Amino acid sequence: MATYVYDILGADALDAFLAERDELIMIDFWAERCGPCRVLGPILHELADEYKGKVIIAKIDVDADENQSLAERFAVTSIPQVTMIQHGEVVDQFVGAWPVEKIKQIIDGHLTPKPATE
């Protein structure tokens, strides 16, 4: 299992988790019953290892009673849904089992410093 992949259970646990991190956080809303979730999971674990120190994956099982409020809070209507948070703000999201190269493009876009506007 990847070092930078964490299972979250409940809103309090997620809030504490987010408060302690400066890295880009990718929250994977998933369920065991979901085929595309089982495809995406290993991809995210691979990416967590590849981007260690820069990206952390938090997995939230939407079928767990403690996580129902989190699914509502992040407007999860389809799974898998990956919501990206940076500096406490939602910066991106996608739904479905996307190819690894496309996910890397999204990650890299958030890790690349933005040029200052004049």
PDB file of N, CA and C in Angstrom:
ATOM      1  N   MET A   1       0.843  -1.194   0.000  1.00  0.00           N
ATOM      2  CA  MET A   1       0.000   0.000   0.000  1.00  0.00           C
ATOM      3  C   MET A   1       0.879   1.245   0.000  1.00  0.00           C
ATOM      4  N   ALA A   2       0.443   2.230  -0.718  1.00  0.00           N
ATOM      5  CA  ALA A   2       1.198   3.474  -0.851  1.00  0.00           C
ATOM      6  C   ALA A   2       1.279   4.210   0.480  1.00  0.00           C
ATOM      7  N   THR A   3       2.389   4.858   0.692  1.00  0.00           N
ATOM      8  CA  THR A   3       2.619   5.614   1.909  1.00  0.00           C
ATOM      9  C   THR A   3       1.696   6.817   2.015  1.00  0.00           C
ATOM     10  N   TYR A   4       1.329   7.390   0.895  1.00  0.00           N
ATOM     11  CA  TYR A   4       0.569   8.633   0.892  1.00  0.00           C
ATOM     12  C   TYR A   4      -0.898   8.419   0.513  1.00  0.00           C
ATOM     13  N   VAL A   5      -1.474   7.305   0.969  1.00  0.00           N
ATOM     14  CA  VAL A   5      -2.892   7.026   0.758  1.00  0.00           C
ATOM     15  C   VAL A   5      -3.513   6.760   2.131  1.00  0.00           C
ATOM     16  N   TYR A   6      -4.565   7.513   2.445  1.00  0.00           N
ATOM     17  CA  TYR A   6      -5.183   7.432   3.759  1.00  0.00           C
ATOM     18  C   TYR A   6      -6.677   7.179   3.639  1.00  0.00           C
ATOM     19  N   ASP A   7      -7.192   6.267   4.458  1.00  0.00           N
ATOM     20  CA  ASP A   7      -8.636   6.045   4.544  1.00  0.00           C
ATOM     21  C   ASP A   7      -9.193   7.003   5.581  1.00  0.00           C
ATOM     22  N   ILE A   8     -10.249   7.710   5.211  1.00  0.00           N
ATOM     23  CA  ILE A   8     -10.866   8.702   6.087  1.00  0.00           C
ATOM     24  C   ILE A   8     -12.254   8.202   6.479  1.00  0.00           C
ATOM     25  N   LEU A   9     -12.597   8.352   7.744  1.00  0.00           N
ATOM     26  CA  LEU A   9     -13.912   7.948   8.220  1.00  0.00           C
ATOM     27  C   LEU A   9     -14.506   9.103   9.032  1.00  0.00           C
ATOM     28  N   GLY A  10     -15.443   9.812   8.421  1.00  0.00           N
ATOM     29  CA  GLY A  10     -16.166  10.874   9.113  1.00  0.00           C
ATOM     30  C   GLY A  10     -15.643  12.269   8.838  1.00  0.00           C
ATOM     31  N   ALA A  11     -16.532  13.245   9.038  1.00  0.00           N
ATOM     32  CA  ALA A  11     -16.231  14.648   8.748  1.00  0.00           C
ATOM     33  C   ALA A  11     -15.131  15.199   9.652  1.00  0.00           C
ATOM     34  N   ASP A  12     -15.158  14.843  10.928  1.00  0.00           N
ATOM     35  CA  ASP A  12     -14.130  15.348  11.847  1.00  0.00           C
ATOM     36  C   ASP A  12     -12.753  14.860  11.426  1.00  0.00           C
ATOM     37  N   ALA A  13     -12.660  13.593  11.025  1.00  0.00           N
ATOM     38  CA  ALA A  13     -11.384  13.033  10.587  1.00  0.00           C
ATOM     39  C   ALA A  13     -10.890  13.742   9.324  1.00  0.00           C
ATOM     40  N   LEU A  14     -11.793  14.019   8.395  1.00  0.00           N
ATOM     41  CA  LEU A  14     -11.386  14.709   7.174  1.00  0.00           C
ATOM     42  C   LEU A  14     -10.928  16.129   7.478  1.00  0.00           C
ATOM     43  N   ASP A  15     -11.668  16.843   8.295  1.00  0.00           N
ATOM     44  CA  ASP A  15     -11.288  18.224   8.622  1.00  0.00           C
ATOM     45  C   ASP A  15      -9.914  18.280   9.289  1.00  0.00           C
ATOM     46  N   ALA A  16      -9.644  17.354  10.205  1.00  0.00           N
ATOM     47  CA  ALA A  16      -8.336  17.301  10.866  1.00  0.00           C
ATOM     48  C   ALA A  16      -7.253  16.950   9.855  1.00  0.00           C
ATOM     49  N   PHE A  17      -7.546  16.011   8.972  1.00  0.00           N
ATOM     50  CA  PHE A  17      -6.609  15.599   7.931  1.00  0.00           C
ATOM     51  C   PHE A  17      -6.241  16.776   7.029  1.00  0.00           C
ATOM     52  N   LEU A  18      -7.246  17.526   6.587  1.00  0.00           N
ATOM     53  CA  LEU A  18      -7.006  18.666   5.699  1.00  0.00           C
ATOM     54  C   LEU A  18      -6.209  19.763   6.398  1.00  0.00           C
ATOM     55  N   ALA A  19      -6.479  19.979   7.671  1.00  0.00           N
ATOM     56  CA  ALA A  19      -5.802  21.040   8.421  1.00  0.00           C
ATOM     57  C   ALA A  19      -4.317  20.755   8.613  1.00  0.00           C
ATOM     58  N   GLU A  20      -3.929  19.493   8.571  1.00  0.00           N
ATOM     59  CA  GLU A  20      -2.545  19.104   8.841  1.00  0.00           C
ATOM     60  C   GLU A  20      -1.675  19.029   7.590  1.00  0.00           C
ATOM     61  N   ARG A  21      -2.231  19.274   6.416  1.00  0.00           N
ATOM     62  CA  ARG A  21      -1.501  19.025   5.173  1.00  0.00           C
ATOM     63  C   ARG A  21      -1.338  20.274   4.322  1.00  0.00           C
ATOM     64  N   ASP A  22      -0.162  20.391   3.688  1.00  0.00           N
ATOM     65  CA  ASP A  22       0.096  21.462   2.728  1.00  0.00           C
ATOM     66  C   ASP A  22       0.105  20.944   1.289  1.00  0.00           C
ATOM     67  N   GLU A  23       0.219  19.630   1.132  1.00  0.00           N
ATOM     68  CA  GLU A  23       0.290  19.041  -0.197  1.00  0.00           C
ATOM     69  C   GLU A  23      -1.050  19.151  -0.923  1.00  0.00           C
ATOM     70  N   LEU A  24      -1.019  18.903  -2.237  1.00  0.00           N
ATOM     71  CA  LEU A  24      -2.250  18.747  -3.006  1.00  0.00           C
ATOM     72  C   LEU A  24      -2.913  17.469  -2.520  1.00  0.00           C
ATOM     73  N   ILE A  25      -4.176  17.562  -2.151  1.00  0.00           N
ATOM     74  CA  ILE A  25      -4.908  16.397  -1.648  1.00  0.00           C
ATOM     75  C   ILE A  25      -5.952  15.998  -2.673  1.00  0.00           C
ATOM     76  N   MET A  26      -5.941  14.717  -3.014  1.00  0.00           N
ATOM     77  CA  MET A  26      -6.936  14.164  -3.925  1.00  0.00           C
ATOM     78  C   MET A  26      -7.825  13.244  -3.106  1.00  0.00           C
ATOM     79  N   ILE A  27      -9.096  13.606  -2.989  1.00  0.00           N
ATOM     80  CA  ILE A  27     -10.043  12.791  -2.228  1.00  0.00           C
ATOM     81  C   ILE A  27     -10.772  11.890  -3.215  1.00  0.00           C
ATOM     82  N   ASP A  28     -10.596  10.583  -3.034  1.00  0.00           N
ATOM     83  CA  ASP A  28     -11.240   9.576  -3.874  1.00  0.00           C
ATOM     84  C   ASP A  28     -12.505   9.097  -3.167  1.00  0.00           C
ATOM     85  N   PHE A  29     -13.653   9.544  -3.666  1.00  0.00           N
ATOM     86  CA  PHE A  29     -14.940   9.051  -3.166  1.00  0.00           C
ATOM     87  C   PHE A  29     -15.240   7.772  -3.933  1.00  0.00           C
ATOM     88  N   TRP A  30     -15.374   6.662  -3.230  1.00  0.00           N
ATOM     89  CA  TRP A  30     -15.479   5.364  -3.870  1.00  0.00           C
ATOM     90  C   TRP A  30     -16.392   4.444  -3.063  1.00  0.00           C
ATOM     91  N   ALA A  31     -16.634   3.254  -3.622  1.00  0.00           N
ATOM     92  CA  ALA A  31     -17.353   2.193  -2.918  1.00  0.00           C
ATOM     93  C   ALA A  31     -16.886   0.851  -3.479  1.00  0.00           C
ATOM     94  N   GLU A  32     -16.860  -0.144  -2.631  1.00  0.00           N
ATOM     95  CA  GLU A  32     -16.432  -1.495  -3.036  1.00  0.00           C
ATOM     96  C   GLU A  32     -17.294  -2.041  -4.173  1.00  0.00           C
ATOM     97  N   ARG A  33     -18.564  -1.713  -4.194  1.00  0.00           N
ATOM     98  CA  ARG A  33     -19.514  -2.220  -5.191  1.00  0.00           C
ATOM     99  C   ARG A  33     -19.305  -1.627  -6.582  1.00  0.00           C
ATOM    100  N   CYS A  34     -18.462  -0.625  -6.690  1.00  0.00           N
ATOM    101  CA  CYS A  34     -18.283   0.163  -7.908  1.00  0.00           C
ATOM    102  C   CYS A  34     -17.099  -0.363  -8.731  1.00  0.00           C
ATOM    103  N   GLY A  35     -17.384  -0.902  -9.918  1.00  0.00           N
ATOM    104  CA  GLY A  35     -16.340  -1.424 -10.793  1.00  0.00           C
ATOM    105  C   GLY A  35     -15.300  -0.382 -11.181  1.00  0.00           C
ATOM    106  N   PRO A  36     -15.726   0.793 -11.687  1.00  0.00           N
ATOM    107  CA  PRO A  36     -14.736   1.817 -12.034  1.00  0.00           C
ATOM    108  C   PRO A  36     -13.892   2.263 -10.830  1.00  0.00           C
ATOM    109  N   CYS A  37     -14.454   2.209  -9.628  1.00  0.00           N
ATOM    110  CA  CYS A  37     -13.690   2.562  -8.424  1.00  0.00           C
ATOM    111  C   CYS A  37     -12.543   1.577  -8.221  1.00  0.00           C
ATOM    112  N   ARG A  38     -12.809   0.302  -8.485  1.00  0.00           N
ATOM    113  CA  ARG A  38     -11.770  -0.718  -8.322  1.00  0.00           C
ATOM    114  C   ARG A  38     -10.688  -0.586  -9.392  1.00  0.00           C
ATOM    115  N   VAL A  39     -11.021   0.006 -10.525  1.00  0.00           N
ATOM    116  CA  VAL A  39     -10.026   0.280 -11.571  1.00  0.00           C
ATOM    117  C   VAL A  39      -9.178   1.494 -11.178  1.00  0.00           C
ATOM    118  N   LEU A  40      -9.827   2.540 -10.691  1.00  0.00           N
ATOM    119  CA  LEU A  40      -9.136   3.782 -10.365  1.00  0.00           C
ATOM    120  C   LEU A  40      -8.248   3.657  -9.129  1.00  0.00           C
ATOM    121  N   GLY A  41      -8.661   2.874  -8.154  1.00  0.00           N
ATOM    122  CA  GLY A  41      -7.918   2.754  -6.897  1.00  0.00           C
ATOM    123  C   GLY A  41      -6.434   2.469  -7.077  1.00  0.00           C
ATOM    124  N   PRO A  42      -6.055   1.424  -7.804  1.00  0.00           N
ATOM    125  CA  PRO A  42      -4.625   1.137  -7.986  1.00  0.00           C
ATOM    126  C   PRO A  42      -3.880   2.249  -8.728  1.00  0.00           C
ATOM    127  N   ILE A  43      -4.546   2.932  -9.641  1.00  0.00           N
ATOM    128  CA  ILE A  43      -3.932   4.058 -10.345  1.00  0.00           C
ATOM    129  C   ILE A  43      -3.587   5.160  -9.352  1.00  0.00           C
ATOM    130  N   LEU A  44      -4.516   5.473  -8.449  1.00  0.00           N
ATOM    131  CA  LEU A  44      -4.272   6.520  -7.460  1.00  0.00           C
ATOM    132  C   LEU A  44      -3.149   6.126  -6.500  1.00  0.00           C
ATOM    133  N   HIS A  45      -3.081   4.854  -6.131  1.00  0.00           N
ATOM    134  CA  HIS A  45      -1.996   4.388  -5.264  1.00  0.00           C
ATOM    135  C   HIS A  45      -0.653   4.576  -5.960  1.00  0.00           C
ATOM    136  N   GLU A  46      -0.596   4.246  -7.247  1.00  0.00           N
ATOM    137  CA  GLU A  46       0.624   4.426  -8.032  1.00  0.00           C
ATOM    138  C   GLU A  46       1.026   5.907  -8.084  1.00  0.00           C
ATOM    139  N   LEU A  47       0.045   6.762  -8.309  1.00  0.00           N
ATOM    140  CA  LEU A  47       0.317   8.202  -8.383  1.00  0.00           C
ATOM    141  C   LEU A  47       0.766   8.752  -7.033  1.00  0.00           C
ATOM    142  N   ALA A  48       0.199   8.242  -5.944  1.00  0.00           N
ATOM    143  CA  ALA A  48       0.601   8.690  -4.610  1.00  0.00           C
ATOM    144  C   ALA A  48       2.074   8.385  -4.374  1.00  0.00           C
ATOM    145  N   ASP A  49       2.527   7.226  -4.833  1.00  0.00           N
ATOM    146  CA  ASP A  49       3.944   6.885  -4.701  1.00  0.00           C
ATOM    147  C   ASP A  49       4.805   7.755  -5.606  1.00  0.00           C
ATOM    148  N   GLU A  50       4.361   7.946  -6.838  1.00  0.00           N
ATOM    149  CA  GLU A  50       5.124   8.732  -7.809  1.00  0.00           C
ATOM    150  C   GLU A  50       5.257  10.191  -7.390  1.00  0.00           C
ATOM    151  N   TYR A  51       4.202  10.740  -6.795  1.00  0.00           N
ATOM    152  CA  TYR A  51       4.192  12.154  -6.407  1.00  0.00           C
ATOM    153  C   TYR A  51       4.372  12.340  -4.901  1.00  0.00           C
ATOM    154  N   LYS A  52       5.004  11.362  -4.232  1.00  0.00           N
ATOM    155  CA  LYS A  52       5.122  11.443  -2.772  1.00  0.00           C
ATOM    156  C   LYS A  52       5.786  12.748  -2.358  1.00  0.00           C
ATOM    157  N   GLY A  53       5.229  13.320  -1.307  1.00  0.00           N
ATOM    158  CA  GLY A  53       5.703  14.607  -0.826  1.00  0.00           C
ATOM    159  C   GLY A  53       5.010  15.786  -1.486  1.00  0.00           C
ATOM    160  N   LYS A  54       4.309  15.528  -2.596  1.00  0.00           N
ATOM    161  CA  LYS A  54       3.606  16.586  -3.320  1.00  0.00           C
ATOM    162  C   LYS A  54       2.100  16.358  -3.365  1.00  0.00           C
ATOM    163  N   VAL A  55       1.688  15.075  -3.384  1.00  0.00           N
ATOM    164  CA  VAL A  55       0.272  14.720  -3.501  1.00  0.00           C
ATOM    165  C   VAL A  55      -0.040  13.642  -2.471  1.00  0.00           C
ATOM    166  N   ILE A  56      -1.183  13.799  -1.831  1.00  0.00           N
ATOM    167  CA  ILE A  56      -1.678  12.801  -0.888  1.00  0.00           C
ATOM    168  C   ILE A  56      -3.077  12.395  -1.332  1.00  0.00           C
ATOM    169  N   ILE A  57      -3.343  11.108  -1.269  1.00  0.00           N
ATOM    170  CA  ILE A  57      -4.654  10.580  -1.629  1.00  0.00           C
ATOM    171  C   ILE A  57      -5.416  10.242  -0.354  1.00  0.00           C
ATOM    172  N   ALA A  58      -6.636  10.740  -0.250  1.00  0.00           N
ATOM    173  CA  ALA A  58      -7.541  10.377   0.840  1.00  0.00           C
ATOM    174  C   ALA A  58      -8.688   9.600   0.215  1.00  0.00           C
ATOM    175  N   LYS A  59      -8.965   8.421   0.739  1.00  0.00           N
ATOM    176  CA  LYS A  59     -10.042   7.587   0.216  1.00  0.00           C
ATOM    177  C   LYS A  59     -11.223   7.655   1.183  1.00  0.00           C
ATOM    178  N   ILE A  60     -12.401   7.942   0.628  1.00  0.00           N
ATOM    179  CA  ILE A  60     -13.616   8.030   1.436  1.00  0.00           C
ATOM    180  C   ILE A  60     -14.648   7.085   0.848  1.00  0.00           C
ATOM    181  N   ASP A  61     -14.984   6.043   1.611  1.00  0.00           N
ATOM    182  CA  ASP A  61     -15.984   5.053   1.194  1.00  0.00           C
ATOM    183  C   ASP A  61     -17.367   5.655   1.397  1.00  0.00           C
ATOM    184  N   VAL A  62     -18.062   5.937   0.302  1.00  0.00           N
ATOM    185  CA  VAL A  62     -19.364   6.600   0.393  1.00  0.00           C
ATOM    186  C   VAL A  62     -20.438   5.706   1.001  1.00  0.00           C
ATOM    187  N   ASP A  63     -20.184   4.400   1.079  1.00  0.00           N
ATOM    188  CA  ASP A  63     -21.161   3.494   1.675  1.00  0.00           C
ATOM    189  C   ASP A  63     -21.066   3.442   3.201  1.00  0.00           C
ATOM    190  N   ALA A  64     -20.010   3.981   3.785  1.00  0.00           N
ATOM    191  CA  ALA A  64     -19.880   4.004   5.244  1.00  0.00           C
ATOM    192  C   ALA A  64     -20.820   5.066   5.809  1.00  0.00           C
ATOM    193  N   ASP A  65     -21.589   4.695   6.823  1.00  0.00           N
ATOM    194  CA  ASP A  65     -22.550   5.623   7.428  1.00  0.00           C
ATOM    195  C   ASP A  65     -21.894   6.934   7.851  1.00  0.00           C
ATOM    196  N   GLU A  66     -20.677   6.850   8.384  1.00  0.00           N
ATOM    197  CA  GLU A  66     -19.979   8.036   8.873  1.00  0.00           C
ATOM    198  C   GLU A  66     -19.604   9.006   7.756  1.00  0.00           C
ATOM    199  N   ASN A  67     -19.634   8.542   6.514  1.00  0.00           N
ATOM    200  CA  ASN A  67     -19.208   9.372   5.384  1.00  0.00           C
ATOM    201  C   ASN A  67     -20.354   9.945   4.560  1.00  0.00           C
ATOM    202  N   GLN A  68     -21.582   9.679   4.951  1.00  0.00           N
ATOM    203  CA  GLN A  68     -22.721  10.193   4.187  1.00  0.00           C
ATOM    204  C   GLN A  68     -22.715  11.710   4.111  1.00  0.00           C
ATOM    205  N   SER A  69     -22.386  12.372   5.195  1.00  0.00           N
ATOM    206  CA  SER A  69     -22.366  13.839   5.187  1.00  0.00           C
ATOM    207  C   SER A  69     -21.251  14.372   4.291  1.00  0.00           C
ATOM    208  N   LEU A  70     -20.157  13.627   4.169  1.00  0.00           N
ATOM    209  CA  LEU A  70     -19.060  14.058   3.303  1.00  0.00           C
ATOM    210  C   LEU A  70     -19.451  13.953   1.833  1.00  0.00           C
ATOM    211  N   ALA A  71     -20.173  12.911   1.495  1.00  0.00           N
ATOM    212  CA  ALA A  71     -20.648  12.771   0.114  1.00  0.00           C
ATOM    213  C   ALA A  71     -21.571  13.941  -0.236  1.00  0.00           C
ATOM    214  N   GLU A  72     -22.402  14.327   0.696  1.00  0.00           N
ATOM    215  CA  GLU A  72     -23.285  15.487   0.477  1.00  0.00           C
ATOM    216  C   GLU A  72     -22.478  16.778   0.408  1.00  0.00           C
ATOM    217  N   ARG A  73     -21.551  16.943   1.333  1.00  0.00           N
ATOM    218  CA  ARG A  73     -20.732  18.156   1.406  1.00  0.00           C
ATOM    219  C   ARG A  73     -19.973  18.414   0.101  1.00  0.00           C
ATOM    220  N   PHE A  74     -19.501  17.347  -0.548  1.00  0.00           N
ATOM    221  CA  PHE A  74     -18.733  17.489  -1.779  1.00  0.00           C
ATOM    222  C   PHE A  74     -19.559  17.172  -3.025  1.00  0.00           C
ATOM    223  N   ALA A  75     -20.887  17.146  -2.876  1.00  0.00           N
ATOM    224  CA  ALA A  75     -21.826  16.967  -3.987  1.00  0.00           C
ATOM    225  C   ALA A  75     -21.489  15.748  -4.839  1.00  0.00           C
ATOM    226  N   VAL A  76     -21.238  14.628  -4.176  1.00  0.00           N
ATOM    227  CA  VAL A  76     -20.930  13.398  -4.894  1.00  0.00           C
ATOM    228  C   VAL A  76     -22.233  12.791  -5.394  1.00  0.00           C
ATOM    229  N   THR A  77     -22.389  12.733  -6.713  1.00  0.00           N
ATOM    230  CA  THR A  77     -23.581  12.134  -7.314  1.00  0.00           C
ATOM    231  C   THR A  77     -23.239  10.892  -8.117  1.00  0.00           C
ATOM    232  N   SER A  78     -21.978  10.728  -8.472  1.00  0.00           N
ATOM    233  CA  SER A  78     -21.487   9.557  -9.201  1.00  0.00           C
ATOM    234  C   SER A  78     -20.118   9.207  -8.649  1.00  0.00           C
ATOM    235  N   ILE A  79     -19.803   7.911  -8.670  1.00  0.00           N
ATOM    236  CA  ILE A  79     -18.491   7.480  -8.200  1.00  0.00           C
ATOM    237  C   ILE A  79     -17.833   6.635  -9.277  1.00  0.00           C
ATOM    238  N   PRO A  80     -16.500   6.612  -9.309  1.00  0.00           N
ATOM    239  CA  PRO A  80     -15.621   7.355  -8.431  1.00  0.00           C
ATOM    240  C   PRO A  80     -15.598   8.841  -8.776  1.00  0.00           C
ATOM    241  N   GLN A  81     -15.528   9.644  -7.750  1.00  0.00           N
ATOM    242  CA  GLN A  81     -15.324  11.083  -7.913  1.00  0.00           C
ATOM    243  C   GLN A  81     -14.047  11.433  -7.169  1.00  0.00           C
ATOM    244  N   VAL A  82     -13.155  12.133  -7.851  1.00  0.00           N
ATOM    245  CA  VAL A  82     -11.922  12.598  -7.223  1.00  0.00           C
ATOM    246  C   VAL A  82     -11.999  14.113  -7.132  1.00  0.00           C
ATOM    247  N   THR A  83     -11.938  14.604  -5.904  1.00  0.00           N
ATOM    248  CA  THR A  83     -11.970  16.039  -5.630  1.00  0.00           C
ATOM    249  C   THR A  83     -10.587  16.454  -5.157  1.00  0.00           C
ATOM    250  N   MET A  84     -10.042  17.492  -5.768  1.00  0.00           N
ATOM    251  CA  MET A  84      -8.700  17.958  -5.425  1.00  0.00           C
ATOM    252  C   MET A  84      -8.791  19.218  -4.578  1.00  0.00           C
ATOM    253  N   ILE A  85      -8.036  19.214  -3.479  1.00  0.00           N
ATOM    254  CA  ILE A  85      -8.037  20.334  -2.546  1.00  0.00           C
ATOM    255  C   ILE A  85      -6.608  20.823  -2.379  1.00  0.00           C
ATOM    256  N   GLN A  86      -6.463  22.132  -2.458  1.00  0.00           N
ATOM    257  CA  GLN A  86      -5.154  22.757  -2.277  1.00  0.00           C
ATOM    258  C   GLN A  86      -5.350  23.990  -1.404  1.00  0.00           C
ATOM    259  N   HIS A  87      -4.589  24.074  -0.330  1.00  0.00           N
ATOM    260  CA  HIS A  87      -4.695  25.194   0.614  1.00  0.00           C
ATOM    261  C   HIS A  87      -6.131  25.363   1.117  1.00  0.00           C
ATOM    262  N   GLY A  88      -6.796  24.237   1.377  1.00  0.00           N
ATOM    263  CA  GLY A  88      -8.136  24.264   1.942  1.00  0.00           C
ATOM    264  C   GLY A  88      -9.264  24.527   0.967  1.00  0.00           C
ATOM    265  N   GLU A  89      -8.954  24.714  -0.300  1.00  0.00           N
ATOM    266  CA  GLU A  89      -9.980  25.025  -1.307  1.00  0.00           C
ATOM    267  C   GLU A  89     -10.072  23.920  -2.349  1.00  0.00           C
ATOM    268  N   VAL A  90     -11.293  23.620  -2.791  1.00  0.00           N
ATOM    269  CA  VAL A  90     -11.481  22.687  -3.904  1.00  0.00           C
ATOM    270  C   VAL A  90     -10.976  23.377  -5.168  1.00  0.00           C
ATOM    271  N   VAL A  91     -10.020  22.736  -5.854  1.00  0.00           N
ATOM    272  CA  VAL A  91      -9.429  23.340  -7.048  1.00  0.00           C
ATOM    273  C   VAL A  91      -9.775  22.585  -8.326  1.00  0.00           C
ATOM    274  N   ASP A  92     -10.267  21.354  -8.191  1.00  0.00           N
ATOM    275  CA  ASP A  92     -10.593  20.566  -9.383  1.00  0.00           C
ATOM    276  C   ASP A  92     -11.315  19.302  -8.946  1.00  0.00           C
ATOM    277  N   GLN A  93     -11.933  18.642  -9.922  1.00  0.00           N
ATOM    278  CA  GLN A  93     -12.501  17.324  -9.665  1.00  0.00           C
ATOM    279  C   GLN A  93     -12.786  16.633 -10.985  1.00  0.00           C
ATOM    280  N   PHE A  94     -12.884  15.312 -10.911  1.00  0.00           N
ATOM    281  CA  PHE A  94     -13.306  14.539 -12.072  1.00  0.00           C
ATOM    282  C   PHE A  94     -14.075  13.322 -11.593  1.00  0.00           C
ATOM    283  N   VAL A  95     -14.897  12.799 -12.484  1.00  0.00           N
ATOM    284  CA  VAL A  95     -15.722  11.630 -12.180  1.00  0.00           C
ATOM    285  C   VAL A  95     -15.365  10.542 -13.180  1.00  0.00           C
ATOM    286  N   GLY A  96     -15.144   9.340 -12.674  1.00  0.00           N
ATOM    287  CA  GLY A  96     -14.851   8.202 -13.532  1.00  0.00           C
ATOM    288  C   GLY A  96     -13.418   7.736 -13.363  1.00  0.00           C
ATOM    289  N   ALA A  97     -13.137   6.600 -14.001  1.00  0.00           N
ATOM    290  CA  ALA A  97     -11.791   6.018 -13.966  1.00  0.00           C
ATOM    291  C   ALA A  97     -11.020   6.543 -15.168  1.00  0.00           C
ATOM    292  N   TRP A  98     -10.347   7.656 -14.981  1.00  0.00           N
ATOM    293  CA  TRP A  98      -9.600   8.302 -16.057  1.00  0.00           C
ATOM    294  C   TRP A  98      -8.256   7.620 -16.262  1.00  0.00           C
ATOM    295  N   PRO A  99      -7.700   7.728 -17.473  1.00  0.00           N
ATOM    296  CA  PRO A  99      -6.362   7.167 -17.729  1.00  0.00           C
ATOM    297  C   PRO A  99      -5.298   7.889 -16.898  1.00  0.00           C
ATOM    298  N   VAL A 100      -4.272   7.163 -16.525  1.00  0.00           N
ATOM    299  CA  VAL A 100      -3.230   7.711 -15.661  1.00  0.00           C
ATOM    300  C   VAL A 100      -2.586   8.960 -16.257  1.00  0.00           C
ATOM    301  N   GLU A 101      -2.357   8.990 -17.548  1.00  0.00           N
ATOM    302  CA  GLU A 101      -1.706  10.151 -18.163  1.00  0.00           C
ATOM    303  C   GLU A 101      -2.566  11.413 -18.042  1.00  0.00           C
ATOM    304  N   LYS A 102      -3.871  11.269 -18.185  1.00  0.00           N
ATOM    305  CA  LYS A 102      -4.777  12.416 -18.045  1.00  0.00           C
ATOM    306  C   LYS A 102      -4.771  12.925 -16.598  1.00  0.00           C
ATOM    307  N   ILE A 103      -4.763  12.009 -15.645  1.00  0.00           N
ATOM    308  CA  ILE A 103      -4.732  12.402 -14.235  1.00  0.00           C
ATOM    309  C   ILE A 103      -3.413  13.110 -13.923  1.00  0.00           C
ATOM    310  N   LYS A 104      -2.307  12.609 -14.481  1.00  0.00           N
ATOM    311  CA  LYS A 104      -1.004  13.263 -14.284  1.00  0.00           C
ATOM    312  C   LYS A 104      -1.021  14.693 -14.825  1.00  0.00           C
ATOM    313  N   GLN A 105      -1.661  14.904 -15.956  1.00  0.00           N
ATOM    314  CA  GLN A 105      -1.755  16.260 -16.517  1.00  0.00           C
ATOM    315  C   GLN A 105      -2.474  17.198 -15.552  1.00  0.00           C
ATOM    316  N   ILE A 106      -3.557  16.704 -14.967  1.00  0.00           N
ATOM    317  CA  ILE A 106      -4.309  17.519 -14.015  1.00  0.00           C
ATOM    318  C   ILE A 106      -3.442  17.834 -12.791  1.00  0.00           C
ATOM    319  N   ILE A 107      -2.803  16.801 -12.244  1.00  0.00           N
ATOM    320  CA  ILE A 107      -1.941  16.999 -11.072  1.00  0.00           C
ATOM    321  C   ILE A 107      -0.847  18.004 -11.389  1.00  0.00           C
ATOM    322  N   ASP A 108      -0.149  17.782 -12.501  1.00  0.00           N
ATOM    323  CA  ASP A 108       0.959  18.670 -12.869  1.00  0.00           C
ATOM    324  C   ASP A 108       0.489  20.110 -13.029  1.00  0.00           C
ATOM    325  N   GLY A 109      -0.722  20.295 -13.537  1.00  0.00           N
ATOM    326  CA  GLY A 109      -1.267  21.642 -13.683  1.00  0.00           C
ATOM    327  C   GLY A 109      -1.449  22.349 -12.354  1.00  0.00           C
ATOM    328  N   HIS A 110      -1.711  21.588 -11.305  1.00  0.00           N
ATOM    329  CA  HIS A 110      -1.887  22.190  -9.982  1.00  0.00           C
ATOM    330  C   HIS A 110      -0.574  22.319  -9.219  1.00  0.00           C
ATOM    331  N   LEU A 111       0.434  21.578  -9.624  1.00  0.00           N
ATOM    332  CA  LEU A 111       1.729  21.649  -8.957  1.00  0.00           C
ATOM    333  C   LEU A 111       2.646  22.684  -9.587  1.00  0.00           C
ATOM    334  N   THR A 112       2.361  23.065 -10.822  1.00  0.00           N
ATOM    335  CA  THR A 112       3.175  24.063 -11.514  1.00  0.00           C
ATOM    336  C   THR A 112       2.801  25.445 -11.010  1.00  0.00           C
ATOM    337  N   PRO A 113       3.795  26.213 -10.578  1.00  0.00           N
ATOM    338  CA  PRO A 113       3.480  27.577 -10.095  1.00  0.00           C
ATOM    339  C   PRO A 113       2.843  28.409 -11.206  1.00  0.00           C
ATOM    340  N   LYS A 114       1.835  29.149 -10.849  1.00  0.00           N
ATOM    341  CA  LYS A 114       1.143  30.038 -11.801  1.00  0.00           C
ATOM    342  C   LYS A 114       1.946  31.324 -11.943  1.00  0.00           C
ATOM    343  N   PRO A 115       2.070  31.847 -13.174  1.00  0.00           N
ATOM    344  CA  PRO A 115       2.779  33.117 -13.327  1.00  0.00           C
ATOM    345  C   PRO A 115       2.001  34.251 -12.659  1.00  0.00           C
ATOM    346  N   ALA A 116       2.746  35.187 -12.118  1.00  0.00           N
ATOM    347  CA  ALA A 116       2.115  36.332 -11.458  1.00  0.00           C
ATOM    348  C   ALA A 116       1.402  37.182 -12.504  1.00  0.00           C
ATOM    349  N   THR A 117       0.225  37.660 -12.166  1.00  0.00           N
ATOM    350  CA  THR A 117      -0.514  38.542 -13.081  1.00  0.00           C
ATOM    351  C   THR A 117      -0.132  39.979 -12.800  1.00  0.00           C
ATOM    352  N   GLU A 118      -0.151  40.753 -13.843  1.00  0.00           N
ATOM    353  CA  GLU A 118       0.234  42.160 -13.692  1.00  0.00           C
ATOM    354  C   GLU A 118      -0.964  43.026 -13.471  1.00  0.00           C
TER     355      GLU A 118
END
